[in-house]
């Protein structure tokens, strides 16, 4: 008898200590999933349960899809319909305190005995905490008693407060980010970019880019921005302009790969009236950018004949319109960008070395997304919040399988591919959650995981170009051979897709 009382006293002290420790630590959990994992592990361990289940829901009164879930003794994740239709979980959500039941099925699993308590936040039921099949240890009982029920209700209360506080903070963060996005959009419409806010990421490669942008922005030197397609080269150029003393003046961009030579020359330098039948005089991009910044995208694709004219303009700070004789003085800062290896093109005689050094006073190299994977969660939240603000609805969340798929993908189309992928997934998502199947154009884990990429015995290890070619071929198959659609899915231009296919062939 004395031994039994001693055990009961020790057990009650353990319950109190667990509640005290949980009250101190739950608020510091990094996310809701970590919080529910911690709560269930505490409850199972302290009450000697062999099974446990904790789920939190997105909407009040237990409605909506699961936000987070933890399981012990239930090997498989139950489908959404099984959770929604489970009789005992429904009773727990409606009950004021803890309730118990014996010999029944919980989530289609036979149970001898169980105790459950609802998790409340903001006066609403936002989750359930259930323990089942208590084990006899240290002289304890095999049924859940009144002390166990009181403990479970108290732990569920602490869990609910921590979750509600975290969700409130997340709502405030989303509201702040939406306001920043709206502010950025309004500033863009008036010609002033929200500098430093658009290059999303805290990884070391991202911080190096932002550091260089801050250091070169206030000068007048030319900057060459290099990196793969979709890494944000024009974005970086806009940031440099926005941080410079030319921010109130025009930012004018032109893609040198998008126009044939004859049109590109007149677009850059302007044209005089009467050069050809019906042609009226018009200013070119250099004149349009007067006092501001001219961004020459894909400068590596500029024809050699125009490269010499551009070099002369950069040296003399004067332009001459096509068909004209009058020289026009210009005050324009030139920023250029390319995905190409200009040093290799110089060696092949395809790019002027003197123009290269004139443009590349400082070079900013943008890392591909696969080298800054730690930025993917922030980019995901940024894009989803932007899409939601545009559509006037709440931003969807991603389940763990979808996040894992994004983090493991190499993104040959980089940030542009991620943006396009998320935009499609957000449109397909249901119940406020993006699932793995909503990421339609992402290769299955079996197709792009280590096993798929591993060479067969005796084969050579594929290089990055071969892996990229495999992914492009797969997306082309999914797009039914439509190259324009495949380019959009990859986040690259149709021209870039053709170039990559030619390189890989």
Foldseek 3Di string as FASTA:
>chain_A
DVLLVVVVVVLLVLLVVLLVVLLVPLLVDPDLQSSVQVLQVSLCVSQQFQWKKKWFADDFLQDFFTPYIDIGPPPDDQDRVLCVPFPVQNVQSVDPFKDKDAFDADSNHTFGMKIKHFADAPRTGGMMIMTTQHDDDSNDDRYQDPSSRVSRRSSSDSSRHSNNVVVVVVVVVLVVLLVVVVVQVVCVVQQAGPAPPPQFDDDPLSVVLSVVLLVPLADQAFEEEEEAAQLQRVVSVNNSQNNYPLSNFHEAEDEQQPDDQVVVQCQAAWADPPPDPPDHTDGHPQVNRASGEYEYEAPLPHFPVVLVQVVVCLVPQWGAHHVGDDIDHGDYRYYYYHHDDVVVCVVVVGHDPVSVCRNPVDYRYRYFCLVRLVRVVVLLSSLQSVLCVVVVHDRAAEDPQLSVLSSQDRQSNGSLLVNLQSNQQRVVDPSRYRYNVSSPLRDDCCCRPPVNQDDDVPDDRDDPLQVVLVSLVSLCVVVVNDLCVSCNNSSHHSVVSVVSNVVND
